PDB file of N, CA and C in Angstrom:
ATOM      1  N   MET A   1      79.691 115.333 133.104  1.00  0.00           N
ATOM      2  CA  MET A   1      80.214 114.093 133.169  1.00  0.00           C
ATOM      3  C   MET A   1      80.468 113.441 131.527  1.00  0.00           C
ATOM      4  N   ALA A   2      79.661 113.899 130.743  1.00  0.00           N
ATOM      5  CA  ALA A   2      79.809 113.518 129.250  1.00  0.00           C
ATOM      6  C   ALA A   2      81.012 114.302 128.777  1.00  0.00           C
ATOM      7  N   GLU A   3      81.969 113.362 128.262  1.00  0.00           N
ATOM      8  CA  GLU A   3      83.313 113.911 127.805  1.00  0.00           C
ATOM      9  C   GLU A   3      83.364 113.275 126.422  1.00  0.00           C
ATOM     10  N   GLU A   4      84.026 114.214 125.536  1.00  0.00           N
ATOM     11  CA  GLU A   4      84.577 113.839 124.362  1.00  0.00           C
ATOM     12  C   GLU A   4      85.623 112.701 124.233  1.00  0.00           C
ATOM     13  N   ILE A   5      85.191 111.714 123.311  1.00  0.00           N
ATOM     14  CA  ILE A   5      86.086 110.650 123.223  1.00  0.00           C
ATOM     15  C   ILE A   5      87.483 110.925 122.451  1.00  0.00           C
ATOM     16  N   LYS A   6      88.562 110.662 123.139  1.00  0.00           N
ATOM     17  CA  LYS A   6      89.851 110.932 122.437  1.00  0.00           C
ATOM     18  C   LYS A   6      90.391 109.780 121.806  1.00  0.00           C
ATOM     19  N   TRP A   7      90.459 109.618 120.465  1.00  0.00           N
ATOM     20  CA  TRP A   7      90.856 108.364 119.540  1.00  0.00           C
ATOM     21  C   TRP A   7      92.460 108.321 119.715  1.00  0.00           C
ATOM     22  N   GLU A   8      92.926 107.192 120.046  1.00  0.00           N
ATOM     23  CA  GLU A   8      94.352 107.115 120.180  1.00  0.00           C
ATOM     24  C   GLU A   8      95.155 106.408 118.840  1.00  0.00           C
ATOM     25  N   LYS A   9      94.664 105.307 118.538  1.00  0.00           N
ATOM     26  CA  LYS A   9      95.399 104.564 117.443  1.00  0.00           C
ATOM     27  C   LYS A   9      94.572 103.807 116.708  1.00  0.00           C
ATOM     28  N   GLN A  10      95.064 103.370 115.511  1.00  0.00           N
ATOM     29  CA  GLN A  10      94.283 102.503 114.626  1.00  0.00           C
ATOM     30  C   GLN A  10      94.986 101.210 114.430  1.00  0.00           C
ATOM     31  N   GLU A  11      94.210 100.193 114.373  1.00  0.00           N
ATOM     32  CA  GLU A  11      94.836  98.772 114.004  1.00  0.00           C
ATOM     33  C   GLU A  11      94.148  98.234 113.002  1.00  0.00           C
ATOM     34  N   PHE A  12      94.743  97.587 111.848  1.00  0.00           N
ATOM     35  CA  PHE A  12      94.034  97.016 110.897  1.00  0.00           C
ATOM     36  C   PHE A  12      93.862  95.407 111.110  1.00  0.00           C
ATOM     37  N   ILE A  13      92.714  94.897 111.019  1.00  0.00           N
ATOM     38  CA  ILE A  13      92.531  93.748 111.237  1.00  0.00           C
ATOM     39  C   ILE A  13      92.477  92.679 109.922  1.00  0.00           C
ATOM     40  N   ASP A  14      92.515  91.649 110.108  1.00  0.00           N
ATOM     41  CA  ASP A  14      92.897  90.553 109.087  1.00  0.00           C
ATOM     42  C   ASP A  14      91.721  90.779 108.006  1.00  0.00           C
ATOM     43  N   CYS A  15      90.494  91.009 108.101  1.00  0.00           N
ATOM     44  CA  CYS A  15      89.279  91.079 107.280  1.00  0.00           C
ATOM     45  C   CYS A  15      89.536  92.357 106.578  1.00  0.00           C
ATOM     46  N   GLY A  16      90.389  93.264 106.925  1.00  0.00           N
ATOM     47  CA  GLY A  16      90.403  94.668 106.213  1.00  0.00           C
ATOM     48  C   GLY A  16      89.722  95.679 106.821  1.00  0.00           C
ATOM     49  N   ASP A  17      88.859  95.360 107.953  1.00  0.00           N
ATOM     50  CA  ASP A  17      88.463  96.457 108.681  1.00  0.00           C
ATOM     51  C   ASP A  17      89.557  97.475 109.649  1.00  0.00           C
ATOM     52  N   THR A  18      89.372  98.291 109.957  1.00  0.00           N
ATOM     53  CA  THR A  18      90.284  99.227 110.850  1.00  0.00           C
ATOM     54  C   THR A  18      89.524  99.543 112.272  1.00  0.00           C
ATOM     55  N   LEU A  19      90.246  99.205 113.051  1.00  0.00           N
ATOM     56  CA  LEU A  19      89.846  99.303 114.711  1.00  0.00           C
ATOM     57  C   LEU A  19      90.451 100.473 115.138  1.00  0.00           C
ATOM     58  N   VAL A  20      89.692 101.474 115.594  1.00  0.00           N
ATOM     59  CA  VAL A  20      90.253 102.663 116.191  1.00  0.00           C
ATOM     60  C   VAL A  20      89.866 102.457 117.628  1.00  0.00           C
ATOM     61  N   ILE A  21      91.001 102.804 118.540  1.00  0.00           N
ATOM     62  CA  ILE A  21      90.995 102.477 119.978  1.00  0.00           C
ATOM     63  C   ILE A  21      90.997 103.944 120.698  1.00  0.00           C
ATOM     64  N   SER A  22      90.461 104.101 121.587  1.00  0.00           N
ATOM     65  CA  SER A  22      90.380 105.443 122.437  1.00  0.00           C
ATOM     66  C   SER A  22      91.461 105.520 123.544  1.00  0.00           C
ATOM     67  N   LYS A  23      91.848 106.671 123.889  1.00  0.00           N
ATOM     68  CA  LYS A  23      92.551 106.727 125.057  1.00  0.00           C
ATOM     69  C   LYS A  23      91.873 106.180 126.237  1.00  0.00           C
ATOM     70  N   SER A  24      92.432 105.976 127.383  1.00  0.00           N
ATOM     71  CA  SER A  24      91.942 105.416 128.718  1.00  0.00           C
ATOM     72  C   SER A  24      91.020 106.258 129.127  1.00  0.00           C
ATOM     73  N   THR A  25      89.830 105.940 129.657  1.00  0.00           N
ATOM     74  CA  THR A  25      88.851 106.904 129.843  1.00  0.00           C
ATOM     75  C   THR A  25      87.838 106.310 131.075  1.00  0.00           C
ATOM     76  N   ILE A  26      86.921 107.133 131.623  1.00  0.00           N
ATOM     77  CA  ILE A  26      85.983 106.725 132.641  1.00  0.00           C
ATOM     78  C   ILE A  26      84.808 106.061 131.909  1.00  0.00           C
ATOM     79  N   LEU A  27      84.525 104.841 132.029  1.00  0.00           N
ATOM     80  CA  LEU A  27      83.229 104.126 131.458  1.00  0.00           C
ATOM     81  C   LEU A  27      82.345 103.754 132.504  1.00  0.00           C
ATOM     82  N   ARG A  28      81.236 103.520 132.281  1.00  0.00           N
ATOM     83  CA  ARG A  28      80.170 103.041 133.275  1.00  0.00           C
ATOM     84  C   ARG A  28      79.309 101.949 132.572  1.00  0.00           C
ATOM     85  N   SER A  29      79.069 100.900 133.400  1.00  0.00           N
ATOM     86  CA  SER A  29      78.131  99.849 133.010  1.00  0.00           C
ATOM     87  C   SER A  29      77.290  99.734 134.065  1.00  0.00           C
ATOM     88  N   ALA A  30      76.277  98.833 133.999  1.00  0.00           N
ATOM     89  CA  ALA A  30      75.218  98.465 134.924  1.00  0.00           C
ATOM     90  C   ALA A  30      75.793  98.283 136.266  1.00  0.00           C
ATOM     91  N   ALA A  31      76.980  97.780 136.379  1.00  0.00           N
ATOM     92  CA  ALA A  31      77.623  97.451 137.522  1.00  0.00           C
ATOM     93  C   ALA A  31      78.521  98.520 138.383  1.00  0.00           C
ATOM     94  N   GLY A  32      78.869  99.581 137.618  1.00  0.00           N
ATOM     95  CA  GLY A  32      79.445 100.806 138.058  1.00  0.00           C
ATOM     96  C   GLY A  32      80.503 101.369 137.254  1.00  0.00           C
ATOM     97  N   TYR A  33      81.288 102.307 137.744  1.00  0.00           N
ATOM     98  CA  TYR A  33      82.245 102.798 136.842  1.00  0.00           C
ATOM     99  C   TYR A  33      83.684 101.993 137.034  1.00  0.00           C
ATOM    100  N   TYR A  34      84.369 102.211 135.848  1.00  0.00           N
ATOM    101  CA  TYR A  34      85.657 101.638 135.588  1.00  0.00           C
ATOM    102  C   TYR A  34      86.626 102.452 134.720  1.00  0.00           C
ATOM    103  N   ILE A  35      87.783 102.042 134.638  1.00  0.00           N
ATOM    104  CA  ILE A  35      88.527 102.710 133.506  1.00  0.00           C
ATOM    105  C   ILE A  35      89.007 101.736 132.419  1.00  0.00           C
ATOM    106  N   GLY A  36      88.704 102.052 131.054  1.00  0.00           N
ATOM    107  CA  GLY A  36      88.904 101.308 130.080  1.00  0.00           C
ATOM    108  C   GLY A  36      88.960 102.088 128.943  1.00  0.00           C
ATOM    109  N   ARG A  37      88.931 101.474 127.749  1.00  0.00           N
ATOM    110  CA  ARG A  37      89.043 102.035 126.405  1.00  0.00           C
ATOM    111  C   ARG A  37      87.870 101.462 125.577  1.00  0.00           C
ATOM    112  N   LEU A  38      87.510 102.492 124.542  1.00  0.00           N
ATOM    113  CA  LEU A  38      86.488 102.274 123.643  1.00  0.00           C
ATOM    114  C   LEU A  38      87.117 101.920 122.193  1.00  0.00           C
ATOM    115  N   CYS A  39      86.178 101.271 121.433  1.00  0.00           N
ATOM    116  CA  CYS A  39      86.875 101.075 119.933  1.00  0.00           C
ATOM    117  C   CYS A  39      85.550 101.515 119.027  1.00  0.00           C
ATOM    118  N   LYS A  40      85.856 101.671 117.843  1.00  0.00           N
ATOM    119  CA  LYS A  40      84.977 101.695 116.654  1.00  0.00           C
ATOM    120  C   LYS A  40      85.596 101.156 115.396  1.00  0.00           C
ATOM    121  N   THR A  41      84.860 100.317 114.749  1.00  0.00           N
ATOM    122  CA  THR A  41      85.227  99.619 113.612  1.00  0.00           C
ATOM    123  C   THR A  41      84.898 100.474 112.352  1.00  0.00           C
ATOM    124  N   ILE A  42      85.682 100.596 111.459  1.00  0.00           N
ATOM    125  CA  ILE A  42      85.558 101.498 110.127  1.00  0.00           C
ATOM    126  C   ILE A  42      85.517 100.439 109.047  1.00  0.00           C
ATOM    127  N   LYS A  43      84.612 100.688 108.168  1.00  0.00           N
ATOM    128  CA  LYS A  43      84.204  99.688 107.090  1.00  0.00           C
ATOM    129  C   LYS A  43      84.215  98.153 107.643  1.00  0.00           C
ATOM    130  N   CYS A  44      82.989  97.964 108.378  1.00  0.00           N
ATOM    131  CA  CYS A  44      82.780  96.782 109.014  1.00  0.00           C
ATOM    132  C   CYS A  44      82.483  95.671 107.908  1.00  0.00           C
ATOM    133  N   ALA A  45      82.971  94.347 108.041  1.00  0.00           N
ATOM    134  CA  ALA A  45      82.674  93.342 107.169  1.00  0.00           C
ATOM    135  C   ALA A  45      81.347  92.829 107.304  1.00  0.00           C
ATOM    136  N   ASN A  46      80.899  92.739 108.636  1.00  0.00           N
ATOM    137  CA  ASN A  46      79.654  92.151 108.977  1.00  0.00           C
ATOM    138  C   ASN A  46      78.485  93.115 108.405  1.00  0.00           C
ATOM    139  N   SER A  47      77.675  92.815 107.617  1.00  0.00           N
ATOM    140  CA  SER A  47      76.447  93.717 107.281  1.00  0.00           C
ATOM    141  C   SER A  47      75.634  94.049 108.277  1.00  0.00           C
ATOM    142  N   ASN A  48      75.535  93.303 109.313  1.00  0.00           N
ATOM    143  CA  ASN A  48      74.791  93.495 110.304  1.00  0.00           C
ATOM    144  C   ASN A  48      75.275  94.533 111.476  1.00  0.00           C
ATOM    145  N   GLU A  49      76.360  94.869 111.261  1.00  0.00           N
ATOM    146  CA  GLU A  49      76.925  96.120 112.093  1.00  0.00           C
ATOM    147  C   GLU A  49      77.167  97.122 111.393  1.00  0.00           C
ATOM    148  N   ARG A  50      76.771  98.278 112.045  1.00  0.00           N
ATOM    149  CA  ARG A  50      76.894  99.807 111.435  1.00  0.00           C
ATOM    150  C   ARG A  50      78.450 100.155 111.613  1.00  0.00           C
ATOM    151  N   PRO A  51      78.806 100.775 110.335  1.00  0.00           N
ATOM    152  CA  PRO A  51      80.233 101.309 110.380  1.00  0.00           C
ATOM    153  C   PRO A  51      80.367 102.368 111.481  1.00  0.00           C
ATOM    154  N   GLY A  52      81.492 102.350 112.080  1.00  0.00           N
ATOM    155  CA  GLY A  52      81.722 103.270 113.275  1.00  0.00           C
ATOM    156  C   GLY A  52      81.050 103.045 114.578  1.00  0.00           C
ATOM    157  N   CYS A  53      80.447 101.926 114.841  1.00  0.00           N
ATOM    158  CA  CYS A  53      79.622 101.824 116.035  1.00  0.00           C
ATOM    159  C   CYS A  53      80.685 101.610 117.044  1.00  0.00           C
ATOM    160  N   ILE A  54      80.379 102.370 118.099  1.00  0.00           N
ATOM    161  CA  ILE A  54      81.445 102.530 119.493  1.00  0.00           C
ATOM    162  C   ILE A  54      80.967 101.491 120.523  1.00  0.00           C
ATOM    163  N   GLU A  55      81.926 100.509 120.984  1.00  0.00           N
ATOM    164  CA  GLU A  55      81.556  99.763 122.037  1.00  0.00           C
ATOM    165  C   GLU A  55      82.946  99.586 122.888  1.00  0.00           C
ATOM    166  N   PRO A  56      82.719  98.938 123.931  1.00  0.00           N
ATOM    167  CA  PRO A  56      84.052  98.600 124.917  1.00  0.00           C
ATOM    168  C   PRO A  56      84.921  97.880 124.279  1.00  0.00           C
ATOM    169  N   TYR A  57      86.214  98.312 124.520  1.00  0.00           N
ATOM    170  CA  TYR A  57      87.169  97.478 123.980  1.00  0.00           C
ATOM    171  C   TYR A  57      88.172  96.770 124.932  1.00  0.00           C
ATOM    172  N   ASP A  58      88.378  97.255 126.159  1.00  0.00           N
ATOM    173  CA  ASP A  58      88.911  96.575 127.177  1.00  0.00           C
ATOM    174  C   ASP A  58      88.683  97.223 128.638  1.00  0.00           C
ATOM    175  N   ARG A  59      88.796  96.638 129.553  1.00  0.00           N
ATOM    176  CA  ARG A  59      88.624  97.103 131.099  1.00  0.00           C
ATOM    177  C   ARG A  59      89.986  96.967 131.695  1.00  0.00           C
ATOM    178  N   MET A  60      90.355  98.120 132.309  1.00  0.00           N
ATOM    179  CA  MET A  60      91.741  98.190 132.786  1.00  0.00           C
ATOM    180  C   MET A  60      91.692  98.272 134.341  1.00  0.00           C
ATOM    181  N   THR A  61      90.581  98.486 135.040  1.00  0.00           N
ATOM    182  CA  THR A  61      90.406  98.244 136.386  1.00  0.00           C
ATOM    183  C   THR A  61      89.098  97.684 136.834  1.00  0.00           C
ATOM    184  N   GLY A  62      89.032  97.546 138.183  1.00  0.00           N
ATOM    185  CA  GLY A  62      87.686  96.864 138.707  1.00  0.00           C
ATOM    186  C   GLY A  62      86.734  98.017 138.882  1.00  0.00           C
ATOM    187  N   TYR A  63      85.583  97.641 139.310  1.00  0.00           N
ATOM    188  CA  TYR A  63      84.705  98.736 139.632  1.00  0.00           C
ATOM    189  C   TYR A  63      84.973  99.654 140.713  1.00  0.00           C
ATOM    190  N   MET A  64      84.704 100.840 140.620  1.00  0.00           N
ATOM    191  CA  MET A  64      85.040 101.872 141.997  1.00  0.00           C
ATOM    192  C   MET A  64      84.076 102.959 141.591  1.00  0.00           C
ATOM    193  N   SER A  65      84.032 103.896 142.537  1.00  0.00           N
ATOM    194  CA  SER A  65      83.215 105.195 142.533  1.00  0.00           C
ATOM    195  C   SER A  65      83.682 105.908 141.425  1.00  0.00           C
ATOM    196  N   TYR A  66      83.090 106.991 141.005  1.00  0.00           N
ATOM    197  CA  TYR A  66      83.326 107.860 139.845  1.00  0.00           C
ATOM    198  C   TYR A  66      84.476 108.736 140.484  1.00  0.00           C
ATOM    199  N   ASP A  67      84.611 109.219 141.746  1.00  0.00           N
ATOM    200  CA  ASP A  67      85.581 109.927 142.173  1.00  0.00           C
ATOM    201  C   ASP A  67      86.741 109.265 142.298  1.00  0.00           C
ATOM    202  N   LYS A  68      86.897 107.990 142.669  1.00  0.00           N
ATOM    203  CA  LYS A  68      88.057 106.975 142.528  1.00  0.00           C
ATOM    204  C   LYS A  68      88.570 106.946 141.096  1.00  0.00           C
ATOM    205  N   CYS A  69      87.674 106.862 140.093  1.00  0.00           N
ATOM    206  CA  CYS A  69      88.015 106.780 138.724  1.00  0.00           C
ATOM    207  C   CYS A  69      88.779 107.973 138.426  1.00  0.00           C
ATOM    208  N   VAL A  70      88.287 109.207 138.645  1.00  0.00           N
ATOM    209  CA  VAL A  70      88.866 110.449 138.282  1.00  0.00           C
ATOM    210  C   VAL A  70      90.350 110.555 138.888  1.00  0.00           C
ATOM    211  N   ILE A  71      90.336 110.055 139.992  1.00  0.00           N
ATOM    212  CA  ILE A  71      91.916 110.125 140.871  1.00  0.00           C
ATOM    213  C   ILE A  71      92.994 109.214 140.078  1.00  0.00           C
ATOM    214  N   TYR A  72      92.207 108.006 139.810  1.00  0.00           N
ATOM    215  CA  TYR A  72      93.066 106.808 139.174  1.00  0.00           C
ATOM    216  C   TYR A  72      93.591 107.366 137.899  1.00  0.00           C
ATOM    217  N   LEU A  73      92.538 108.056 137.013  1.00  0.00           N
ATOM    218  CA  LEU A  73      92.805 108.301 135.520  1.00  0.00           C
ATOM    219  C   LEU A  73      93.978 109.203 135.602  1.00  0.00           C
ATOM    220  N   ASN A  74      93.611 110.294 136.488  1.00  0.00           N
ATOM    221  CA  ASN A  74      94.623 111.511 136.473  1.00  0.00           C
ATOM    222  C   ASN A  74      96.203 111.287 137.243  1.00  0.00           C
ATOM    223  N   SER A  75      96.182 110.009 137.625  1.00  0.00           N
ATOM    224  CA  SER A  75      97.580 109.207 137.982  1.00  0.00           C
ATOM    225  C   SER A  75      98.135 108.410 137.097  1.00  0.00           C
ATOM    226  N   MET A  76      97.505 108.231 136.033  1.00  0.00           N
ATOM    227  CA  MET A  76      97.963 107.164 134.935  1.00  0.00           C
ATOM    228  C   MET A  76      98.900 108.153 134.020  1.00  0.00           C
TER     229      MET A  76
END
């Protein structure tokens, strides 16, 4: 189930950081599985944040079973 993250695009933020956004993928939270994207920040402006830390960016679906997520993702 562990899958390599495929990074799709970069956006430049006003503070000078670069936000890199992943392709849609299956994500899991404590509440269940969903389709969403991840992001990582390069050259963080906040000294408390590690450069390149990966975190959720957006949620594209509600929660569903892993099998339904696979079907949904393949139909996108």
